Amino acid sequence: MIGPVILDDSMTGQNYLDFLQNELPKQLEDVPLATRIAMYFQHDGTPSHYTRHVMQYLYDTFPNRWIGRGSTINWPPRSPDLNPWIFVYGV
């Protein structure tokens, strides 16, 4: 788990995309390459996470390795207490 990261501005699609492109790589600098290659990116159902530009970035950067609405691994609707990893790994 990486974070949490506190963003100063209100959450918009553009602010979230800026975070993904500029801040997330800084957070991952100390994570070994083998781990980064195998890791999944998970986020919740916040509307700003699903703008067209954000979705395209996630598809390009984490192909088949991100969890959320519109991904190959969906976040369970209205189930904040369920962790999607249960569905991926049966944990």
PDB file of N, CA and C in Angstrom:
ATOM      1  N   MET A   1       0.845  -1.164   0.000  1.00  0.00           N
ATOM      2  CA  MET A   1       0.000   0.000   0.000  1.00  0.00           C
ATOM      3  C   MET A   1       0.892   1.228   0.000  1.00  0.00           C
ATOM      4  N   ILE A   2       0.496   2.197  -0.829  1.00  0.00           N
ATOM      5  CA  ILE A   2       1.228   3.451  -0.940  1.00  0.00           C
ATOM      6  C   ILE A   2       0.270   4.577  -0.588  1.00  0.00           C
ATOM      7  N   GLY A   3       0.748   5.530   0.178  1.00  0.00           N
ATOM      8  CA  GLY A   3      -0.088   6.674   0.526  1.00  0.00           C
ATOM      9  C   GLY A   3      -0.427   6.633   1.997  1.00  0.00           C
ATOM     10  N   PRO A   4      -1.367   7.388   2.417  1.00  0.00           N
ATOM     11  CA  PRO A   4      -2.235   8.245   1.609  1.00  0.00           C
ATOM     12  C   PRO A   4      -1.520   9.510   1.150  1.00  0.00           C
ATOM     13  N   VAL A   5      -2.071  10.105   0.111  1.00  0.00           N
ATOM     14  CA  VAL A   5      -1.576  11.363  -0.415  1.00  0.00           C
ATOM     15  C   VAL A   5      -2.712  12.372  -0.296  1.00  0.00           C
ATOM     16  N   ILE A   6      -2.425  13.509   0.298  1.00  0.00           N
ATOM     17  CA  ILE A   6      -3.428  14.559   0.471  1.00  0.00           C
ATOM     18  C   ILE A   6      -3.248  15.582  -0.643  1.00  0.00           C
ATOM     19  N   LEU A   7      -4.312  15.812  -1.409  1.00  0.00           N
ATOM     20  CA  LEU A   7      -4.278  16.796  -2.481  1.00  0.00           C
ATOM     21  C   LEU A   7      -4.919  18.087  -1.994  1.00  0.00           C
ATOM     22  N   ASP A   8      -4.305  19.193  -2.327  1.00  0.00           N
ATOM     23  CA  ASP A   8      -4.785  20.490  -1.851  1.00  0.00           C
ATOM     24  C   ASP A   8      -6.053  20.969  -2.552  1.00  0.00           C
ATOM     25  N   ASP A   9      -6.172  20.711  -3.831  1.00  0.00           N
ATOM     26  CA  ASP A   9      -7.304  21.214  -4.603  1.00  0.00           C
ATOM     27  C   ASP A   9      -8.489  20.268  -4.533  1.00  0.00           C
ATOM     28  N   SER A  10      -9.660  20.782  -4.933  1.00  0.00           N
ATOM     29  CA  SER A  10     -10.823  19.911  -5.022  1.00  0.00           C
ATOM     30  C   SER A  10     -10.582  18.887  -6.121  1.00  0.00           C
ATOM     31  N   MET A  11     -11.188  17.745  -5.978  1.00  0.00           N
ATOM     32  CA  MET A  11     -10.927  16.641  -6.889  1.00  0.00           C
ATOM     33  C   MET A  11     -11.728  16.813  -8.177  1.00  0.00           C
ATOM     34  N   THR A  12     -11.003  17.010  -9.252  1.00  0.00           N
ATOM     35  CA  THR A  12     -11.591  17.035 -10.596  1.00  0.00           C
ATOM     36  C   THR A  12     -10.870  15.977 -11.412  1.00  0.00           C
ATOM     37  N   GLY A  13     -11.401  15.677 -12.568  1.00  0.00           N
ATOM     38  CA  GLY A  13     -10.734  14.725 -13.438  1.00  0.00           C
ATOM     39  C   GLY A  13      -9.335  15.180 -13.796  1.00  0.00           C
ATOM     40  N   GLN A  14      -9.164  16.469 -14.073  1.00  0.00           N
ATOM     41  CA  GLN A  14      -7.850  16.987 -14.443  1.00  0.00           C
ATOM     42  C   GLN A  14      -6.880  16.926 -13.271  1.00  0.00           C
ATOM     43  N   ASN A  15      -7.338  17.268 -12.065  1.00  0.00           N
ATOM     44  CA  ASN A  15      -6.463  17.178 -10.890  1.00  0.00           C
ATOM     45  C   ASN A  15      -6.041  15.733 -10.620  1.00  0.00           C
ATOM     46  N   TYR A  16      -6.972  14.810 -10.798  1.00  0.00           N
ATOM     47  CA  TYR A  16      -6.655  13.403 -10.586  1.00  0.00           C
ATOM     48  C   TYR A  16      -5.663  12.913 -11.641  1.00  0.00           C
ATOM     49  N   LEU A  17      -5.864  13.306 -12.890  1.00  0.00           N
ATOM     50  CA  LEU A  17      -4.937  12.932 -13.945  1.00  0.00           C
ATOM     51  C   LEU A  17      -3.556  13.508 -13.660  1.00  0.00           C
ATOM     52  N   ASP A  18      -3.491  14.746 -13.217  1.00  0.00           N
ATOM     53  CA  ASP A  18      -2.209  15.346 -12.842  1.00  0.00           C
ATOM     54  C   ASP A  18      -1.531  14.543 -11.731  1.00  0.00           C
ATOM     55  N   PHE A  19      -2.312  14.105 -10.746  1.00  0.00           N
ATOM     56  CA  PHE A  19      -1.769  13.265  -9.683  1.00  0.00           C
ATOM     57  C   PHE A  19      -1.195  11.969 -10.255  1.00  0.00           C
ATOM     58  N   LEU A  20      -1.964  11.305 -11.120  1.00  0.00           N
ATOM     59  CA  LEU A  20      -1.512  10.041 -11.693  1.00  0.00           C
ATOM     60  C   LEU A  20      -0.229  10.204 -12.498  1.00  0.00           C
ATOM     61  N   GLN A  21      -0.130  11.301 -13.236  1.00  0.00           N
ATOM     62  CA  GLN A  21       1.021  11.510 -14.104  1.00  0.00           C
ATOM     63  C   GLN A  21       2.240  12.067 -13.377  1.00  0.00           C
ATOM     64  N   ASN A  22       2.024  12.877 -12.338  1.00  0.00           N
ATOM     65  CA  ASN A  22       3.137  13.593 -11.720  1.00  0.00           C
ATOM     66  C   ASN A  22       3.481  13.154 -10.297  1.00  0.00           C
ATOM     67  N   GLU A  23       2.496  12.865  -9.485  1.00  0.00           N
ATOM     68  CA  GLU A  23       2.747  12.525  -8.078  1.00  0.00           C
ATOM     69  C   GLU A  23       2.882  11.025  -7.842  1.00  0.00           C
ATOM     70  N   LEU A  24       2.048  10.225  -8.491  1.00  0.00           N
ATOM     71  CA  LEU A  24       2.119   8.780  -8.286  1.00  0.00           C
ATOM     72  C   LEU A  24       3.493   8.214  -8.645  1.00  0.00           C
ATOM     73  N   PRO A  25       4.100   8.628  -9.767  1.00  0.00           N
ATOM     74  CA  PRO A  25       5.450   8.112 -10.051  1.00  0.00           C
ATOM     75  C   PRO A  25       6.460   8.423  -8.940  1.00  0.00           C
ATOM     76  N   LYS A  26       6.328   9.577  -8.303  1.00  0.00           N
ATOM     77  CA  LYS A  26       7.217   9.903  -7.183  1.00  0.00           C
ATOM     78  C   LYS A  26       6.988   8.944  -6.020  1.00  0.00           C
ATOM     79  N   GLN A  27       5.717   8.597  -5.783  1.00  0.00           N
ATOM     80  CA  GLN A  27       5.387   7.670  -4.700  1.00  0.00           C
ATOM     81  C   GLN A  27       5.939   6.275  -4.971  1.00  0.00           C
ATOM     82  N   LEU A  28       6.098   5.938  -6.252  1.00  0.00           N
ATOM     83  CA  LEU A  28       6.547   4.598  -6.625  1.00  0.00           C
ATOM     84  C   LEU A  28       8.059   4.478  -6.793  1.00  0.00           C
ATOM     85  N   GLU A  29       8.784   5.564  -6.631  1.00  0.00           N
ATOM     86  CA  GLU A  29      10.235   5.548  -6.864  1.00  0.00           C
ATOM     87  C   GLU A  29      10.971   4.516  -6.022  1.00  0.00           C
ATOM     88  N   ASP A  30      10.547   4.319  -4.791  1.00  0.00           N
ATOM     89  CA  ASP A  30      11.242   3.387  -3.898  1.00  0.00           C
ATOM     90  C   ASP A  30      10.704   1.962  -3.982  1.00  0.00           C
ATOM     91  N   VAL A  31       9.712   1.734  -4.815  1.00  0.00           N
ATOM     92  CA  VAL A  31       9.145   0.396  -4.986  1.00  0.00           C
ATOM     93  C   VAL A  31       9.984  -0.335  -6.036  1.00  0.00           C
ATOM     94  N   PRO A  32      10.450  -1.535  -5.731  1.00  0.00           N
ATOM     95  CA  PRO A  32      11.272  -2.275  -6.700  1.00  0.00           C
ATOM     96  C   PRO A  32      10.545  -2.477  -8.032  1.00  0.00           C
ATOM     97  N   LEU A  33      11.298  -2.470  -9.104  1.00  0.00           N
ATOM     98  CA  LEU A  33      10.729  -2.591 -10.442  1.00  0.00           C
ATOM     99  C   LEU A  33       9.878  -3.843 -10.592  1.00  0.00           C
ATOM    100  N   ALA A  34      10.341  -4.961 -10.082  1.00  0.00           N
ATOM    101  CA  ALA A  34       9.576  -6.211 -10.198  1.00  0.00           C
ATOM    102  C   ALA A  34       8.212  -6.076  -9.526  1.00  0.00           C
ATOM    103  N   THR A  35       8.152  -5.370  -8.423  1.00  0.00           N
ATOM    104  CA  THR A  35       6.881  -5.141  -7.733  1.00  0.00           C
ATOM    105  C   THR A  35       6.002  -4.210  -8.551  1.00  0.00           C
ATOM    106  N   ARG A  36       6.560  -3.128  -9.081  1.00  0.00           N
ATOM    107  CA  ARG A  36       5.782  -2.179  -9.890  1.00  0.00           C
ATOM    108  C   ARG A  36       5.188  -2.856 -11.111  1.00  0.00           C
ATOM    109  N   ILE A  37       5.933  -3.751 -11.730  1.00  0.00           N
ATOM    110  CA  ILE A  37       5.439  -4.440 -12.927  1.00  0.00           C
ATOM    111  C   ILE A  37       4.264  -5.342 -12.592  1.00  0.00           C
ATOM    112  N   ALA A  38       4.266  -5.934 -11.405  1.00  0.00           N
ATOM    113  CA  ALA A  38       3.224  -6.882 -11.020  1.00  0.00           C
ATOM    114  C   ALA A  38       2.075  -6.242 -10.246  1.00  0.00           C
ATOM    115  N   MET A  39       2.219  -4.983  -9.834  1.00  0.00           N
ATOM    116  CA  MET A  39       1.211  -4.394  -8.955  1.00  0.00           C
ATOM    117  C   MET A  39      -0.056  -3.995  -9.708  1.00  0.00           C
ATOM    118  N   TYR A  40      -1.136  -3.899  -8.941  1.00  0.00           N
ATOM    119  CA  TYR A  40      -2.421  -3.429  -9.434  1.00  0.00           C
ATOM    120  C   TYR A  40      -2.685  -2.048  -8.856  1.00  0.00           C
ATOM    121  N   PHE A  41      -3.389  -1.229  -9.591  1.00  0.00           N
ATOM    122  CA  PHE A  41      -3.788   0.089  -9.119  1.00  0.00           C
ATOM    123  C   PHE A  41      -5.268   0.015  -8.777  1.00  0.00           C
ATOM    124  N   GLN A  42      -5.627   0.405  -7.566  1.00  0.00           N
ATOM    125  CA  GLN A  42      -7.009   0.324  -7.094  1.00  0.00           C
ATOM    126  C   GLN A  42      -7.487   1.707  -6.698  1.00  0.00           C
ATOM    127  N   HIS A  43      -8.665   2.073  -7.175  1.00  0.00           N
ATOM    128  CA  HIS A  43      -9.295   3.310  -6.722  1.00  0.00           C
ATOM    129  C   HIS A  43     -10.793   3.102  -6.626  1.00  0.00           C
ATOM    130  N   ASP A  44     -11.477   4.050  -6.008  1.00  0.00           N
ATOM    131  CA  ASP A  44     -12.896   3.866  -5.728  1.00  0.00           C
ATOM    132  C   ASP A  44     -13.766   4.489  -6.817  1.00  0.00           C
ATOM    133  N   GLY A  45     -15.047   4.662  -6.525  1.00  0.00           N
ATOM    134  CA  GLY A  45     -16.008   5.110  -7.516  1.00  0.00           C
ATOM    135  C   GLY A  45     -16.203   6.606  -7.623  1.00  0.00           C
ATOM    136  N   THR A  46     -15.262   7.402  -7.154  1.00  0.00           N
ATOM    137  CA  THR A  46     -15.381   8.844  -7.250  1.00  0.00           C
ATOM    138  C   THR A  46     -15.518   9.251  -8.718  1.00  0.00           C
ATOM    139  N   PRO A  47     -16.513  10.084  -9.063  1.00  0.00           N
ATOM    140  CA  PRO A  47     -16.725  10.445 -10.470  1.00  0.00           C
ATOM    141  C   PRO A  47     -15.485  11.006 -11.170  1.00  0.00           C
ATOM    142  N   SER A  48     -14.661  11.760 -10.467  1.00  0.00           N
ATOM    143  CA  SER A  48     -13.472  12.329 -11.110  1.00  0.00           C
ATOM    144  C   SER A  48     -12.462  11.259 -11.537  1.00  0.00           C
ATOM    145  N   HIS A  49     -12.582  10.059 -11.001  1.00  0.00           N
ATOM    146  CA  HIS A  49     -11.690   8.974 -11.382  1.00  0.00           C
ATOM    147  C   HIS A  49     -12.068   8.379 -12.730  1.00  0.00           C
ATOM    148  N   TYR A  50     -13.197   8.779 -13.274  1.00  0.00           N
ATOM    149  CA  TYR A  50     -13.697   8.132 -14.479  1.00  0.00           C
ATOM    150  C   TYR A  50     -13.920   9.085 -15.646  1.00  0.00           C
ATOM    151  N   THR A  51     -13.156  10.168 -15.700  1.00  0.00           N
ATOM    152  CA  THR A  51     -13.228  11.022 -16.875  1.00  0.00           C
ATOM    153  C   THR A  51     -12.531  10.286 -18.024  1.00  0.00           C
ATOM    154  N   ARG A  52     -12.819  10.690 -19.220  1.00  0.00           N
ATOM    155  CA  ARG A  52     -12.274  10.022 -20.402  1.00  0.00           C
ATOM    156  C   ARG A  52     -10.741  10.006 -20.373  1.00  0.00           C
ATOM    157  N   HIS A  53     -10.130  11.122 -20.007  1.00  0.00           N
ATOM    158  CA  HIS A  53      -8.668  11.200 -20.001  1.00  0.00           C
ATOM    159  C   HIS A  53      -8.047  10.321 -18.907  1.00  0.00           C
ATOM    160  N   VAL A  54      -8.684  10.277 -17.758  1.00  0.00           N
ATOM    161  CA  VAL A  54      -8.189   9.421 -16.671  1.00  0.00           C
ATOM    162  C   VAL A  54      -8.301   7.959 -17.073  1.00  0.00           C
ATOM    163  N   MET A  55      -9.452   7.565 -17.618  1.00  0.00           N
ATOM    164  CA  MET A  55      -9.642   6.171 -18.021  1.00  0.00           C
ATOM    165  C   MET A  55      -8.610   5.764 -19.072  1.00  0.00           C
ATOM    166  N   GLN A  56      -8.367   6.628 -20.048  1.00  0.00           N
ATOM    167  CA  GLN A  56      -7.384   6.303 -21.081  1.00  0.00           C
ATOM    168  C   GLN A  56      -5.990   6.149 -20.482  1.00  0.00           C
ATOM    169  N   TYR A  57      -5.650   7.022 -19.536  1.00  0.00           N
ATOM    170  CA  TYR A  57      -4.350   6.931 -18.874  1.00  0.00           C
ATOM    171  C   TYR A  57      -4.225   5.599 -18.118  1.00  0.00           C
ATOM    172  N   LEU A  58      -5.272   5.206 -17.404  1.00  0.00           N
ATOM    173  CA  LEU A  58      -5.231   3.947 -16.660  1.00  0.00           C
ATOM    174  C   LEU A  58      -5.098   2.750 -17.592  1.00  0.00           C
ATOM    175  N   TYR A  59      -5.851   2.758 -18.708  1.00  0.00           N
ATOM    176  CA  TYR A  59      -5.740   1.664 -19.679  1.00  0.00           C
ATOM    177  C   TYR A  59      -4.327   1.575 -20.246  1.00  0.00           C
ATOM    178  N   ASP A  60      -3.710   2.729 -20.515  1.00  0.00           N
ATOM    179  CA  ASP A  60      -2.367   2.747 -21.102  1.00  0.00           C
ATOM    180  C   ASP A  60      -1.287   2.397 -20.094  1.00  0.00           C
ATOM    181  N   THR A  61      -1.428   2.878 -18.864  1.00  0.00           N
ATOM    182  CA  THR A  61      -0.377   2.738 -17.862  1.00  0.00           C
ATOM    183  C   THR A  61      -0.475   1.438 -17.068  1.00  0.00           C
ATOM    184  N   PHE A  62      -1.691   1.000 -16.781  1.00  0.00           N
ATOM    185  CA  PHE A  62      -1.919  -0.221 -15.992  1.00  0.00           C
ATOM    186  C   PHE A  62      -2.824  -1.179 -16.781  1.00  0.00           C
ATOM    187  N   PRO A  63      -2.398  -1.647 -17.964  1.00  0.00           N
ATOM    188  CA  PRO A  63      -3.280  -2.502 -18.767  1.00  0.00           C
ATOM    189  C   PRO A  63      -3.657  -3.780 -18.019  1.00  0.00           C
ATOM    190  N   ASN A  64      -4.969  -3.968 -17.833  1.00  0.00           N
ATOM    191  CA  ASN A  64      -5.515  -5.126 -17.105  1.00  0.00           C
ATOM    192  C   ASN A  64      -4.963  -5.251 -15.694  1.00  0.00           C
ATOM    193  N   ARG A  65      -4.475  -4.132 -15.125  1.00  0.00           N
ATOM    194  CA  ARG A  65      -3.919  -4.155 -13.773  1.00  0.00           C
ATOM    195  C   ARG A  65      -4.436  -2.992 -12.949  1.00  0.00           C
ATOM    196  N   TRP A  66      -5.678  -2.598 -13.154  1.00  0.00           N
ATOM    197  CA  TRP A  66      -6.270  -1.599 -12.275  1.00  0.00           C
ATOM    198  C   TRP A  66      -7.673  -2.040 -11.926  1.00  0.00           C
ATOM    199  N   ILE A  67      -8.088  -1.655 -10.729  1.00  0.00           N
ATOM    200  CA  ILE A  67      -9.368  -2.078 -10.176  1.00  0.00           C
ATOM    201  C   ILE A  67     -10.254  -0.854 -10.046  1.00  0.00           C
ATOM    202  N   GLY A  68     -11.429  -0.927 -10.627  1.00  0.00           N
ATOM    203  CA  GLY A  68     -12.378   0.174 -10.554  1.00  0.00           C
ATOM    204  C   GLY A  68     -13.424   0.058 -11.643  1.00  0.00           C
ATOM    205  N   ARG A  69     -14.400   0.925 -11.607  1.00  0.00           N
ATOM    206  CA  ARG A  69     -15.469   0.929 -12.607  1.00  0.00           C
ATOM    207  C   ARG A  69     -14.866   1.104 -13.996  1.00  0.00           C
ATOM    208  N   GLY A  70     -15.235   0.234 -14.936  1.00  0.00           N
ATOM    209  CA  GLY A  70     -14.712   0.299 -16.284  1.00  0.00           C
ATOM    210  C   GLY A  70     -13.484  -0.543 -16.519  1.00  0.00           C
ATOM    211  N   SER A  71     -12.954  -1.146 -15.466  1.00  0.00           N
ATOM    212  CA  SER A  71     -11.774  -1.996 -15.583  1.00  0.00           C
ATOM    213  C   SER A  71     -12.205  -3.435 -15.813  1.00  0.00           C
ATOM    214  N   THR A  72     -11.233  -4.288 -16.089  1.00  0.00           N
ATOM    215  CA  THR A  72     -11.539  -5.714 -16.180  1.00  0.00           C
ATOM    216  C   THR A  72     -11.815  -6.295 -14.796  1.00  0.00           C
ATOM    217  N   ILE A  73     -11.406  -5.581 -13.745  1.00  0.00           N
ATOM    218  CA  ILE A  73     -11.700  -5.978 -12.360  1.00  0.00           C
ATOM    219  C   ILE A  73     -12.508  -4.836 -11.749  1.00  0.00           C
ATOM    220  N   ASN A  74     -13.805  -5.012 -11.641  1.00  0.00           N
ATOM    221  CA  ASN A  74     -14.686  -3.954 -11.152  1.00  0.00           C
ATOM    222  C   ASN A  74     -14.664  -3.832  -9.642  1.00  0.00           C
ATOM    223  N   TRP A  75     -14.833  -2.609  -9.167  1.00  0.00           N
ATOM    224  CA  TRP A  75     -15.033  -2.345  -7.745  1.00  0.00           C
ATOM    225  C   TRP A  75     -16.468  -2.741  -7.432  1.00  0.00           C
ATOM    226  N   PRO A  76     -16.715  -3.541  -6.401  1.00  0.00           N
ATOM    227  CA  PRO A  76     -18.089  -3.941  -6.090  1.00  0.00           C
ATOM    228  C   PRO A  76     -18.961  -2.720  -5.796  1.00  0.00           C
ATOM    229  N   PRO A  77     -20.096  -2.581  -6.487  1.00  0.00           N
ATOM    230  CA  PRO A  77     -20.943  -1.403  -6.280  1.00  0.00           C
ATOM    231  C   PRO A  77     -21.502  -1.334  -4.870  1.00  0.00           C
ATOM    232  N   ARG A  78     -21.470  -0.131  -4.285  1.00  0.00           N
ATOM    233  CA  ARG A  78     -22.028   0.152  -2.964  1.00  0.00           C
ATOM    234  C   ARG A  78     -21.539  -0.824  -1.899  1.00  0.00           C
ATOM    235  N   SER A  79     -20.301  -1.269  -2.022  1.00  0.00           N
ATOM    236  CA  SER A  79     -19.743  -2.209  -1.048  1.00  0.00           C
ATOM    237  C   SER A  79     -18.382  -1.721  -0.570  1.00  0.00           C
ATOM    238  N   PRO A  80     -18.348  -0.601   0.162  1.00  0.00           N
ATOM    239  CA  PRO A  80     -17.057  -0.070   0.581  1.00  0.00           C
ATOM    240  C   PRO A  80     -16.313  -0.983   1.547  1.00  0.00           C
ATOM    241  N   ASP A  81     -17.020  -1.920   2.170  1.00  0.00           N
ATOM    242  CA  ASP A  81     -16.349  -2.804   3.119  1.00  0.00           C
ATOM    243  C   ASP A  81     -15.770  -4.043   2.444  1.00  0.00           C
ATOM    244  N   LEU A  82     -16.069  -4.262   1.169  1.00  0.00           N
ATOM    245  CA  LEU A  82     -15.507  -5.404   0.467  1.00  0.00           C
ATOM    246  C   LEU A  82     -14.252  -4.971  -0.275  1.00  0.00           C
ATOM    247  N   ASN A  83     -13.230  -5.735  -0.162  1.00  0.00           N
ATOM    248  CA  ASN A  83     -11.992  -5.453  -0.866  1.00  0.00           C
ATOM    249  C   ASN A  83     -11.972  -6.268  -2.153  1.00  0.00           C
ATOM    250  N   PRO A  84     -11.817  -5.636  -3.319  1.00  0.00           N
ATOM    251  CA  PRO A  84     -11.810  -6.383  -4.583  1.00  0.00           C
ATOM    252  C   PRO A  84     -10.739  -7.455  -4.660  1.00  0.00           C
ATOM    253  N   TRP A  85      -9.685  -7.361  -3.835  1.00  0.00           N
ATOM    254  CA  TRP A  85      -8.667  -8.407  -3.855  1.00  0.00           C
ATOM    255  C   TRP A  85      -9.247  -9.760  -3.495  1.00  0.00           C
ATOM    256  N   ILE A  86     -10.347  -9.758  -2.746  1.00  0.00           N
ATOM    257  CA  ILE A  86     -11.012 -11.012  -2.415  1.00  0.00           C
ATOM    258  C   ILE A  86     -11.423 -11.726  -3.691  1.00  0.00           C
ATOM    259  N   PHE A  87     -11.909 -10.942  -4.672  1.00  0.00           N
ATOM    260  CA  PHE A  87     -12.391 -11.518  -5.915  1.00  0.00           C
ATOM    261  C   PHE A  87     -11.244 -11.927  -6.842  1.00  0.00           C
ATOM    262  N   VAL A  88     -10.090 -11.254  -6.718  1.00  0.00           N
ATOM    263  CA  VAL A  88      -8.945 -11.551  -7.573  1.00  0.00           C
ATOM    264  C   VAL A  88      -8.177 -12.755  -7.052  1.00  0.00           C
ATOM    265  N   TYR A  89      -7.898 -12.745  -5.762  1.00  0.00           N
ATOM    266  CA  TYR A  89      -7.036 -13.772  -5.178  1.00  0.00           C
ATOM    267  C   TYR A  89      -7.753 -14.732  -4.235  1.00  0.00           C
ATOM    268  N   GLY A  90      -9.026 -14.510  -3.980  1.00  0.00           N
ATOM    269  CA  GLY A  90      -9.767 -15.394  -3.094  1.00  0.00           C
ATOM    270  C   GLY A  90      -9.294 -15.335  -1.673  1.00  0.00           C
ATOM    271  N   VAL A  91      -8.738 -14.192  -1.257  1.00  0.00           N
ATOM    272  CA  VAL A  91      -8.203 -14.035   0.095  1.00  0.00           C
ATOM    273  C   VAL A  91      -9.337 -13.833   1.057  1.00  0.00           C
TER     274      VAL A  91
END
